[in-house]
Amino acid sequence: MTVSIQYVGVDKSETLSKFTKEKLSKLPNKYEFLISASVHFKQDEKEHINGKICNIELSLPGPRIFATSNERNFEVSVRETIKDLERQLKKRKQVFKTH
């Protein structure tokens, strides 16, 4: 699975990129139908407590899957977004099994 990471209004971080790729690399082991992932990091200036936003869109057969999280730091935001994606992927895998 290919992973593309974009930073929107946020300084690029190799550590964050490595962390994100490491977390996403576990998904193709469970869900072999994944093609690619597009990750966007943004910061919401209006929110003082949270505001670290992570958007992840997964490309796979059929409609794409998208999830987003707004947390206090990007690492937590990545974890929460991947949890949401895994929930959606489990449902999608059930659909693939029935066909």
PDB file of N, CA and C in Angstrom:
ATOM      1  N   MET A   1       0.856  -1.173   0.000  1.00  0.00           N
ATOM      2  CA  MET A   1       0.000   0.000   0.000  1.00  0.00           C
ATOM      3  C   MET A   1       0.900   1.233   0.000  1.00  0.00           C
ATOM      4  N   THR A   2       0.611   2.158  -0.898  1.00  0.00           N
ATOM      5  CA  THR A   2       1.377   3.401  -0.934  1.00  0.00           C
ATOM      6  C   THR A   2       0.729   4.425  -0.015  1.00  0.00           C
ATOM      7  N   VAL A   3       1.573   5.220   0.632  1.00  0.00           N
ATOM      8  CA  VAL A   3       1.093   6.230   1.578  1.00  0.00           C
ATOM      9  C   VAL A   3       1.646   7.579   1.154  1.00  0.00           C
ATOM     10  N   SER A   4       0.754   8.549   0.947  1.00  0.00           N
ATOM     11  CA  SER A   4       1.200   9.916   0.664  1.00  0.00           C
ATOM     12  C   SER A   4       0.756  10.808   1.821  1.00  0.00           C
ATOM     13  N   ILE A   5       1.701  11.621   2.302  1.00  0.00           N
ATOM     14  CA  ILE A   5       1.434  12.475   3.458  1.00  0.00           C
ATOM     15  C   ILE A   5       1.630  13.919   3.052  1.00  0.00           C
ATOM     16  N   GLN A   6       0.637  14.756   3.404  1.00  0.00           N
ATOM     17  CA  GLN A   6       0.718  16.188   3.122  1.00  0.00           C
ATOM     18  C   GLN A   6       0.518  16.965   4.412  1.00  0.00           C
ATOM     19  N   TYR A   7       1.279  18.038   4.540  1.00  0.00           N
ATOM     20  CA  TYR A   7       1.162  18.930   5.685  1.00  0.00           C
ATOM     21  C   TYR A   7       0.587  20.251   5.198  1.00  0.00           C
ATOM     22  N   VAL A   8      -0.589  20.606   5.706  1.00  0.00           N
ATOM     23  CA  VAL A   8      -1.277  21.819   5.278  1.00  0.00           C
ATOM     24  C   VAL A   8      -1.152  22.859   6.396  1.00  0.00           C
ATOM     25  N   GLY A   9      -0.307  23.855   6.185  1.00  0.00           N
ATOM     26  CA  GLY A   9      -0.121  24.901   7.184  1.00  0.00           C
ATOM     27  C   GLY A   9       0.590  24.429   8.435  1.00  0.00           C
ATOM     28  N   VAL A  10       1.290  23.306   8.334  1.00  0.00           N
ATOM     29  CA  VAL A  10       2.018  22.735   9.466  1.00  0.00           C
ATOM     30  C   VAL A  10       3.412  22.376   8.976  1.00  0.00           C
ATOM     31  N   ASP A  11       4.419  22.554   9.827  1.00  0.00           N
ATOM     32  CA  ASP A  11       5.784  22.183   9.456  1.00  0.00           C
ATOM     33  C   ASP A  11       5.888  20.680   9.257  1.00  0.00           C
ATOM     34  N   LYS A  12       6.630  20.277   8.238  1.00  0.00           N
ATOM     35  CA  LYS A  12       6.817  18.857   7.934  1.00  0.00           C
ATOM     36  C   LYS A  12       7.633  18.208   9.039  1.00  0.00           C
ATOM     37  N   SER A  13       7.232  16.992   9.412  1.00  0.00           N
ATOM     38  CA  SER A  13       7.909  16.271  10.488  1.00  0.00           C
ATOM     39  C   SER A  13       8.209  14.851  10.038  1.00  0.00           C
ATOM     40  N   GLU A  14       9.496  14.514   9.980  1.00  0.00           N
ATOM     41  CA  GLU A  14       9.885  13.149   9.601  1.00  0.00           C
ATOM     42  C   GLU A  14       9.429  12.147  10.651  1.00  0.00           C
ATOM     43  N   THR A  15       9.480  12.537  11.915  1.00  0.00           N
ATOM     44  CA  THR A  15       9.061  11.649  13.007  1.00  0.00           C
ATOM     45  C   THR A  15       7.579  11.318  12.880  1.00  0.00           C
ATOM     46  N   LEU A  16       6.764  12.325  12.620  1.00  0.00           N
ATOM     47  CA  LEU A  16       5.325  12.117  12.465  1.00  0.00           C
ATOM     48  C   LEU A  16       5.027  11.282  11.223  1.00  0.00           C
ATOM     49  N   SER A  17       5.749  11.525  10.140  1.00  0.00           N
ATOM     50  CA  SER A  17       5.562  10.732   8.914  1.00  0.00           C
ATOM     51  C   SER A  17       5.891   9.273   9.174  1.00  0.00           C
ATOM     52  N   LYS A  18       7.002   9.027   9.857  1.00  0.00           N
ATOM     53  CA  LYS A  18       7.418   7.650  10.163  1.00  0.00           C
ATOM     54  C   LYS A  18       6.392   6.967  11.059  1.00  0.00           C
ATOM     55  N   PHE A  19       5.914   7.679  12.091  1.00  0.00           N
ATOM     56  CA  PHE A  19       4.905   7.148  13.005  1.00  0.00           C
ATOM     57  C   PHE A  19       3.628   6.772  12.249  1.00  0.00           C
ATOM     58  N   THR A  20       3.183   7.662  11.367  1.00  0.00           N
ATOM     59  CA  THR A  20       1.958   7.437  10.605  1.00  0.00           C
ATOM     60  C   THR A  20       2.104   6.240   9.675  1.00  0.00           C
ATOM     61  N   LYS A  21       3.219   6.170   8.959  1.00  0.00           N
ATOM     62  CA  LYS A  21       3.442   5.044   8.052  1.00  0.00           C
ATOM     63  C   LYS A  21       3.521   3.726   8.816  1.00  0.00           C
ATOM     64  N   GLU A  22       4.124   3.758   9.989  1.00  0.00           N
ATOM     65  CA  GLU A  22       4.223   2.555  10.819  1.00  0.00           C
ATOM     66  C   GLU A  22       2.835   2.063  11.229  1.00  0.00           C
ATOM     67  N   LYS A  23       1.974   2.989  11.653  1.00  0.00           N
ATOM     68  CA  LYS A  23       0.611   2.625  12.061  1.00  0.00           C
ATOM     69  C   LYS A  23      -0.208   2.122  10.869  1.00  0.00           C
ATOM     70  N   LEU A  24      -0.067   2.785   9.723  1.00  0.00           N
ATOM     71  CA  LEU A  24      -0.823   2.389   8.537  1.00  0.00           C
ATOM     72  C   LEU A  24      -0.314   1.079   7.934  1.00  0.00           C
ATOM     73  N   SER A  25       0.946   0.750   8.163  1.00  0.00           N
ATOM     74  CA  SER A  25       1.515  -0.466   7.568  1.00  0.00           C
ATOM     75  C   SER A  25       0.876  -1.737   8.118  1.00  0.00           C
ATOM     76  N   LYS A  26       0.227  -1.646   9.256  1.00  0.00           N
ATOM     77  CA  LYS A  26      -0.429  -2.814   9.857  1.00  0.00           C
ATOM     78  C   LYS A  26      -1.761  -3.134   9.176  1.00  0.00           C
ATOM     79  N   LEU A  27      -2.377  -2.166   8.547  1.00  0.00           N
ATOM     80  CA  LEU A  27      -3.692  -2.367   7.926  1.00  0.00           C
ATOM     81  C   LEU A  27      -3.686  -3.371   6.770  1.00  0.00           C
ATOM     82  N   PRO A  28      -2.717  -3.313   5.826  1.00  0.00           N
ATOM     83  CA  PRO A  28      -2.769  -4.273   4.709  1.00  0.00           C
ATOM     84  C   PRO A  28      -2.623  -5.735   5.147  1.00  0.00           C
ATOM     85  N   ASN A  29      -2.075  -5.982   6.328  1.00  0.00           N
ATOM     86  CA  ASN A  29      -1.973  -7.357   6.823  1.00  0.00           C
ATOM     87  C   ASN A  29      -3.360  -7.945   7.089  1.00  0.00           C
ATOM     88  N   LYS A  30      -4.274  -7.121   7.589  1.00  0.00           N
ATOM     89  CA  LYS A  30      -5.645  -7.569   7.872  1.00  0.00           C
ATOM     90  C   LYS A  30      -6.558  -7.397   6.658  1.00  0.00           C
ATOM     91  N   TYR A  31      -6.310  -6.341   5.891  1.00  0.00           N
ATOM     92  CA  TYR A  31      -7.197  -5.981   4.784  1.00  0.00           C
ATOM     93  C   TYR A  31      -6.360  -5.913   3.503  1.00  0.00           C
ATOM     94  N   GLU A  32      -6.237  -7.031   2.823  1.00  0.00           N
ATOM     95  CA  GLU A  32      -5.350  -7.134   1.668  1.00  0.00           C
ATOM     96  C   GLU A  32      -5.849  -6.361   0.447  1.00  0.00           C
ATOM     97  N   PHE A  33      -7.076  -5.887   0.464  1.00  0.00           N
ATOM     98  CA  PHE A  33      -7.639  -5.179  -0.683  1.00  0.00           C
ATOM     99  C   PHE A  33      -7.307  -3.687  -0.709  1.00  0.00           C
ATOM    100  N   LEU A  34      -6.532  -3.173   0.250  1.00  0.00           N
ATOM    101  CA  LEU A  34      -6.171  -1.751   0.288  1.00  0.00           C
ATOM    102  C   LEU A  34      -5.195  -1.409  -0.825  1.00  0.00           C
ATOM    103  N   ILE A  35      -5.393  -0.243  -1.446  1.00  0.00           N
ATOM    104  CA  ILE A  35      -4.544   0.186  -2.549  1.00  0.00           C
ATOM    105  C   ILE A  35      -3.590   1.287  -2.094  1.00  0.00           C
ATOM    106  N   SER A  36      -4.143   2.367  -1.513  1.00  0.00           N
ATOM    107  CA  SER A  36      -3.300   3.482  -1.088  1.00  0.00           C
ATOM    108  C   SER A  36      -3.978   4.265   0.023  1.00  0.00           C
ATOM    109  N   ALA A  37      -3.174   5.120   0.670  1.00  0.00           N
ATOM    110  CA  ALA A  37      -3.680   5.990   1.731  1.00  0.00           C
ATOM    111  C   ALA A  37      -3.181   7.402   1.485  1.00  0.00           C
ATOM    112  N   SER A  38      -4.069   8.360   1.684  1.00  0.00           N
ATOM    113  CA  SER A  38      -3.716   9.766   1.561  1.00  0.00           C
ATOM    114  C   SER A  38      -3.952  10.421   2.927  1.00  0.00           C
ATOM    115  N   VAL A  39      -2.882  10.978   3.496  1.00  0.00           N
ATOM    116  CA  VAL A  39      -2.951  11.551   4.846  1.00  0.00           C
ATOM    117  C   VAL A  39      -2.724  13.055   4.761  1.00  0.00           C
ATOM    118  N   HIS A  40      -3.554  13.821   5.464  1.00  0.00           N
ATOM    119  CA  HIS A  40      -3.411  15.282   5.521  1.00  0.00           C
ATOM    120  C   HIS A  40      -3.372  15.710   6.975  1.00  0.00           C
ATOM    121  N   PHE A  41      -2.351  16.485   7.327  1.00  0.00           N
ATOM    122  CA  PHE A  41      -2.262  17.058   8.666  1.00  0.00           C
ATOM    123  C   PHE A  41      -2.536  18.549   8.578  1.00  0.00           C
ATOM    124  N   LYS A  42      -3.415  19.020   9.465  1.00  0.00           N
ATOM    125  CA  LYS A  42      -3.760  20.443   9.513  1.00  0.00           C
ATOM    126  C   LYS A  42      -3.802  20.884  10.970  1.00  0.00           C
ATOM    127  N   GLN A  43      -3.738  22.194  11.171  1.00  0.00           N
ATOM    128  CA  GLN A  43      -3.893  22.726  12.516  1.00  0.00           C
ATOM    129  C   GLN A  43      -4.976  23.790  12.490  1.00  0.00           C
ATOM    130  N   ASP A  44      -5.940  23.661  13.407  1.00  0.00           N
ATOM    131  CA  ASP A  44      -7.019  24.631  13.526  1.00  0.00           C
ATOM    132  C   ASP A  44      -6.587  25.690  14.526  1.00  0.00           C
ATOM    133  N   GLU A  45      -6.334  26.886  14.042  1.00  0.00           N
ATOM    134  CA  GLU A  45      -5.858  27.978  14.889  1.00  0.00           C
ATOM    135  C   GLU A  45      -6.908  28.454  15.893  1.00  0.00           C
ATOM    136  N   LYS A  46      -8.180  28.191  15.609  1.00  0.00           N
ATOM    137  CA  LYS A  46      -9.263  28.679  16.468  1.00  0.00           C
ATOM    138  C   LYS A  46      -9.402  27.858  17.744  1.00  0.00           C
ATOM    139  N   GLU A  47      -8.977  26.592  17.689  1.00  0.00           N
ATOM    140  CA  GLU A  47      -9.089  25.722  18.862  1.00  0.00           C
ATOM    141  C   GLU A  47      -7.782  25.753  19.639  1.00  0.00           C
ATOM    142  N   HIS A  48      -7.868  26.004  20.946  1.00  0.00           N
ATOM    143  CA  HIS A  48      -6.666  26.119  21.759  1.00  0.00           C
ATOM    144  C   HIS A  48      -6.297  24.800  22.428  1.00  0.00           C
ATOM    145  N   ILE A  49      -7.296  23.996  22.794  1.00  0.00           N
ATOM    146  CA  ILE A  49      -7.017  22.723  23.464  1.00  0.00           C
ATOM    147  C   ILE A  49      -6.710  21.649  22.423  1.00  0.00           C
ATOM    148  N   ASN A  50      -7.642  21.437  21.524  1.00  0.00           N
ATOM    149  CA  ASN A  50      -7.412  20.473  20.446  1.00  0.00           C
ATOM    150  C   ASN A  50      -6.878  21.241  19.248  1.00  0.00           C
ATOM    151  N   GLY A  51      -7.237  20.842  18.066  1.00  0.00           N
ATOM    152  CA  GLY A  51      -6.845  21.608  16.892  1.00  0.00           C
ATOM    153  C   GLY A  51      -5.846  20.920  15.995  1.00  0.00           C
ATOM    154  N   LYS A  52      -5.328  19.763  16.411  1.00  0.00           N
ATOM    155  CA  LYS A  52      -4.417  18.991  15.564  1.00  0.00           C
ATOM    156  C   LYS A  52      -5.267  17.988  14.783  1.00  0.00           C
ATOM    157  N   ILE A  53      -5.463  18.255  13.499  1.00  0.00           N
ATOM    158  CA  ILE A  53      -6.402  17.487  12.686  1.00  0.00           C
ATOM    159  C   ILE A  53      -5.640  16.539  11.763  1.00  0.00           C
ATOM    160  N   CYS A  54      -6.101  15.292  11.737  1.00  0.00           N
ATOM    161  CA  CYS A  54      -5.554  14.279  10.840  1.00  0.00           C
ATOM    162  C   CYS A  54      -6.690  13.730   9.982  1.00  0.00           C
ATOM    163  N   ASN A  55      -6.571  13.851   8.660  1.00  0.00           N
ATOM    164  CA  ASN A  55      -7.531  13.281   7.718  1.00  0.00           C
ATOM    165  C   ASN A  55      -6.838  12.141   6.978  1.00  0.00           C
ATOM    166  N   ILE A  56      -7.483  10.983   6.924  1.00  0.00           N
ATOM    167  CA  ILE A  56      -6.941   9.861   6.168  1.00  0.00           C
ATOM    168  C   ILE A  56      -8.026   9.331   5.237  1.00  0.00           C
ATOM    169  N   GLU A  57      -7.655   9.185   3.975  1.00  0.00           N
ATOM    170  CA  GLU A  57      -8.558   8.619   2.974  1.00  0.00           C
ATOM    171  C   GLU A  57      -7.898   7.362   2.408  1.00  0.00           C
ATOM    172  N   LEU A  58      -8.620   6.256   2.476  1.00  0.00           N
ATOM    173  CA  LEU A  58      -8.108   4.990   1.963  1.00  0.00           C
ATOM    174  C   LEU A  58      -8.741   4.676   0.616  1.00  0.00           C
ATOM    175  N   SER A  59      -7.910   4.273  -0.315  1.00  0.00           N
ATOM    176  CA  SER A  59      -8.386   3.870  -1.633  1.00  0.00           C
ATOM    177  C   SER A  59      -8.430   2.350  -1.674  1.00  0.00           C
ATOM    178  N   LEU A  60      -9.572   1.815  -2.088  1.00  0.00           N
ATOM    179  CA  LEU A  60      -9.786   0.382  -2.179  1.00  0.00           C
ATOM    180  C   LEU A  60     -10.881   0.141  -3.195  1.00  0.00           C
ATOM    181  N   PRO A  61     -11.130  -1.115  -3.592  1.00  0.00           N
ATOM    182  CA  PRO A  61     -12.213  -1.362  -4.546  1.00  0.00           C
ATOM    183  C   PRO A  61     -13.553  -0.857  -3.982  1.00  0.00           C
ATOM    184  N   GLY A  62     -14.299  -0.185  -4.809  1.00  0.00           N
ATOM    185  CA  GLY A  62     -15.558   0.403  -4.349  1.00  0.00           C
ATOM    186  C   GLY A  62     -15.322   1.819  -3.856  1.00  0.00           C
ATOM    187  N   PRO A  63     -16.271   2.352  -3.106  1.00  0.00           N
ATOM    188  CA  PRO A  63     -16.115   3.723  -2.602  1.00  0.00           C
ATOM    189  C   PRO A  63     -14.924   3.850  -1.651  1.00  0.00           C
ATOM    190  N   ARG A  64     -14.318   5.022  -1.651  1.00  0.00           N
ATOM    191  CA  ARG A  64     -13.192   5.275  -0.755  1.00  0.00           C
ATOM    192  C   ARG A  64     -13.696   5.409   0.678  1.00  0.00           C
ATOM    193  N   ILE A  65     -12.799   5.180   1.618  1.00  0.00           N
ATOM    194  CA  ILE A  65     -13.125   5.299   3.040  1.00  0.00           C
ATOM    195  C   ILE A  65     -12.367   6.499   3.588  1.00  0.00           C
ATOM    196  N   PHE A  66     -13.054   7.325   4.386  1.00  0.00           N
ATOM    197  CA  PHE A  66     -12.467   8.547   4.915  1.00  0.00           C
ATOM    198  C   PHE A  66     -12.754   8.659   6.410  1.00  0.00           C
ATOM    199  N   ALA A  67     -11.752   9.143   7.155  1.00  0.00           N
ATOM    200  CA  ALA A  67     -11.957   9.419   8.578  1.00  0.00           C
ATOM    201  C   ALA A  67     -11.095  10.610   8.973  1.00  0.00           C
ATOM    202  N   THR A  68     -11.534  11.314   9.997  1.00  0.00           N
ATOM    203  CA  THR A  68     -10.799  12.470  10.494  1.00  0.00           C
ATOM    204  C   THR A  68     -10.899  12.532  12.009  1.00  0.00           C
ATOM    205  N   SER A  69      -9.871  13.102  12.637  1.00  0.00           N
ATOM    206  CA  SER A  69      -9.864  13.293  14.083  1.00  0.00           C
ATOM    207  C   SER A  69      -9.260  14.642  14.409  1.00  0.00           C
ATOM    208  N   ASN A  70      -9.755  15.243  15.487  1.00  0.00           N
ATOM    209  CA  ASN A  70      -9.268  16.524  15.972  1.00  0.00           C
ATOM    210  C   ASN A  70      -8.890  16.325  17.439  1.00  0.00           C
ATOM    211  N   GLU A  71      -7.589  16.250  17.721  1.00  0.00           N
ATOM    212  CA  GLU A  71      -7.116  15.932  19.069  1.00  0.00           C
ATOM    213  C   GLU A  71      -6.082  16.941  19.542  1.00  0.00           C
ATOM    214  N   ARG A  72      -5.521  16.683  20.733  1.00  0.00           N
ATOM    215  CA  ARG A  72      -4.557  17.614  21.335  1.00  0.00           C
ATOM    216  C   ARG A  72      -3.168  17.542  20.703  1.00  0.00           C
ATOM    217  N   ASN A  73      -2.820  16.362  20.113  1.00  0.00           N
ATOM    218  CA  ASN A  73      -1.571  16.268  19.354  1.00  0.00           C
ATOM    219  C   ASN A  73      -1.766  15.322  18.169  1.00  0.00           C
ATOM    220  N   PHE A  74      -0.844  15.387  17.227  1.00  0.00           N
ATOM    221  CA  PHE A  74      -1.026  14.651  15.975  1.00  0.00           C
ATOM    222  C   PHE A  74      -0.952  13.136  16.161  1.00  0.00           C
ATOM    223  N   GLU A  75      -0.133  12.663  17.099  1.00  0.00           N
ATOM    224  CA  GLU A  75      -0.018  11.216  17.315  1.00  0.00           C
ATOM    225  C   GLU A  75      -1.351  10.625  17.768  1.00  0.00           C
ATOM    226  N   VAL A  76      -2.006  11.285  18.713  1.00  0.00           N
ATOM    227  CA  VAL A  76      -3.314  10.823  19.191  1.00  0.00           C
ATOM    228  C   VAL A  76      -4.333  10.909  18.062  1.00  0.00           C
ATOM    229  N   SER A  77      -4.248  11.964  17.285  1.00  0.00           N
ATOM    230  CA  SER A  77      -5.159  12.154  16.161  1.00  0.00           C
ATOM    231  C   SER A  77      -5.001  11.031  15.129  1.00  0.00           C
ATOM    232  N   VAL A  78      -3.761  10.623  14.855  1.00  0.00           N
ATOM    233  CA  VAL A  78      -3.505   9.522  13.916  1.00  0.00           C
ATOM    234  C   VAL A  78      -4.117   8.232  14.451  1.00  0.00           C
ATOM    235  N   ARG A  79      -3.891   7.938  15.731  1.00  0.00           N
ATOM    236  CA  ARG A  79      -4.429   6.704  16.330  1.00  0.00           C
ATOM    237  C   ARG A  79      -5.949   6.665  16.258  1.00  0.00           C
ATOM    238  N   GLU A  80      -6.603   7.767  16.606  1.00  0.00           N
ATOM    239  CA  GLU A  80      -8.068   7.822  16.595  1.00  0.00           C
ATOM    240  C   GLU A  80      -8.616   7.678  15.174  1.00  0.00           C
ATOM    241  N   THR A  81      -7.959   8.316  14.214  1.00  0.00           N
ATOM    242  CA  THR A  81      -8.405   8.225  12.826  1.00  0.00           C
ATOM    243  C   THR A  81      -8.287   6.790  12.322  1.00  0.00           C
ATOM    244  N   ILE A  82      -7.190   6.129  12.646  1.00  0.00           N
ATOM    245  CA  ILE A  82      -6.996   4.735  12.207  1.00  0.00           C
ATOM    246  C   ILE A  82      -8.019   3.819  12.876  1.00  0.00           C
ATOM    247  N   LYS A  83      -8.364   4.074  14.134  1.00  0.00           N
ATOM    248  CA  LYS A  83      -9.418   3.282  14.797  1.00  0.00           C
ATOM    249  C   LYS A  83     -10.737   3.412  14.038  1.00  0.00           C
ATOM    250  N   ASP A  84     -11.078   4.632  13.662  1.00  0.00           N
ATOM    251  CA  ASP A  84     -12.309   4.861  12.895  1.00  0.00           C
ATOM    252  C   ASP A  84     -12.258   4.135  11.551  1.00  0.00           C
ATOM    253  N   LEU A  85     -11.106   4.177  10.893  1.00  0.00           N
ATOM    254  CA  LEU A  85     -10.962   3.501   9.603  1.00  0.00           C
ATOM    255  C   LEU A  85     -11.087   1.992   9.756  1.00  0.00           C
ATOM    256  N   GLU A  86     -10.508   1.442  10.816  1.00  0.00           N
ATOM    257  CA  GLU A  86     -10.596  -0.006  11.027  1.00  0.00           C
ATOM    258  C   GLU A  86     -12.038  -0.441  11.229  1.00  0.00           C
ATOM    259  N   ARG A  87     -12.820   0.370  11.917  1.00  0.00           N
ATOM    260  CA  ARG A  87     -14.238   0.064  12.109  1.00  0.00           C
ATOM    261  C   ARG A  87     -14.938  -0.004  10.751  1.00  0.00           C
ATOM    262  N   GLN A  88     -14.644   0.940   9.877  1.00  0.00           N
ATOM    263  CA  GLN A  88     -15.250   0.954   8.547  1.00  0.00           C
ATOM    264  C   GLN A  88     -14.741  -0.210   7.695  1.00  0.00           C
ATOM    265  N   LEU A  89     -13.453  -0.527   7.835  1.00  0.00           N
ATOM    266  CA  LEU A  89     -12.873  -1.620   7.057  1.00  0.00           C
ATOM    267  C   LEU A  89     -13.461  -2.969   7.451  1.00  0.00           C
ATOM    268  N   LYS A  90     -13.761  -3.161   8.718  1.00  0.00           N
ATOM    269  CA  LYS A  90     -14.388  -4.414   9.166  1.00  0.00           C
ATOM    270  C   LYS A  90     -15.742  -4.596   8.483  1.00  0.00           C
ATOM    271  N   LYS A  91     -16.508  -3.519   8.418  1.00  0.00           N
ATOM    272  CA  LYS A  91     -17.811  -3.586   7.740  1.00  0.00           C
ATOM    273  C   LYS A  91     -17.627  -3.898   6.257  1.00  0.00           C
ATOM    274  N   ARG A  92     -16.647  -3.262   5.627  1.00  0.00           N
ATOM    275  CA  ARG A  92     -16.407  -3.473   4.203  1.00  0.00           C
ATOM    276  C   ARG A  92     -15.939  -4.901   3.940  1.00  0.00           C
ATOM    277  N   LYS A  93     -15.116  -5.444   4.838  1.00  0.00           N
ATOM    278  CA  LYS A  93     -14.625  -6.809   4.663  1.00  0.00           C
ATOM    279  C   LYS A  93     -15.790  -7.817   4.718  1.00  0.00           C
ATOM    280  N   GLN A  94     -16.771  -7.534   5.568  1.00  0.00           N
ATOM    281  CA  GLN A  94     -17.955  -8.402   5.646  1.00  0.00           C
ATOM    282  C   GLN A  94     -18.705  -8.398   4.319  1.00  0.00           C
ATOM    283  N   VAL A  95     -18.780  -7.249   3.679  1.00  0.00           N
ATOM    284  CA  VAL A  95     -19.456  -7.143   2.382  1.00  0.00           C
ATOM    285  C   VAL A  95     -18.699  -7.961   1.341  1.00  0.00           C
ATOM    286  N   PHE A  96     -17.354  -7.878   1.358  1.00  0.00           N
ATOM    287  CA  PHE A  96     -16.556  -8.660   0.401  1.00  0.00           C
ATOM    288  C   PHE A  96     -16.722 -10.149   0.622  1.00  0.00           C
ATOM    289  N   LYS A  97     -16.868 -10.589   1.873  1.00  0.00           N
ATOM    290  CA  LYS A  97     -17.010 -12.009   2.173  1.00  0.00           C
ATOM    291  C   LYS A  97     -18.333 -12.558   1.652  1.00  0.00           C
ATOM    292  N   THR A  98     -19.389 -11.752   1.665  1.00  0.00           N
ATOM    293  CA  THR A  98     -20.703 -12.227   1.249  1.00  0.00           C
ATOM    294  C   THR A  98     -20.815 -12.390  -0.258  1.00  0.00           C
ATOM    295  N   HIS A  99     -19.909 -11.767  -1.019  1.00  0.00           N
ATOM    296  CA  HIS A  99     -19.987 -11.854  -2.485  1.00  0.00           C
ATOM    297  C   HIS A  99     -19.059 -12.891  -3.028  1.00  0.00           C
TER     298      HIS A  99
END
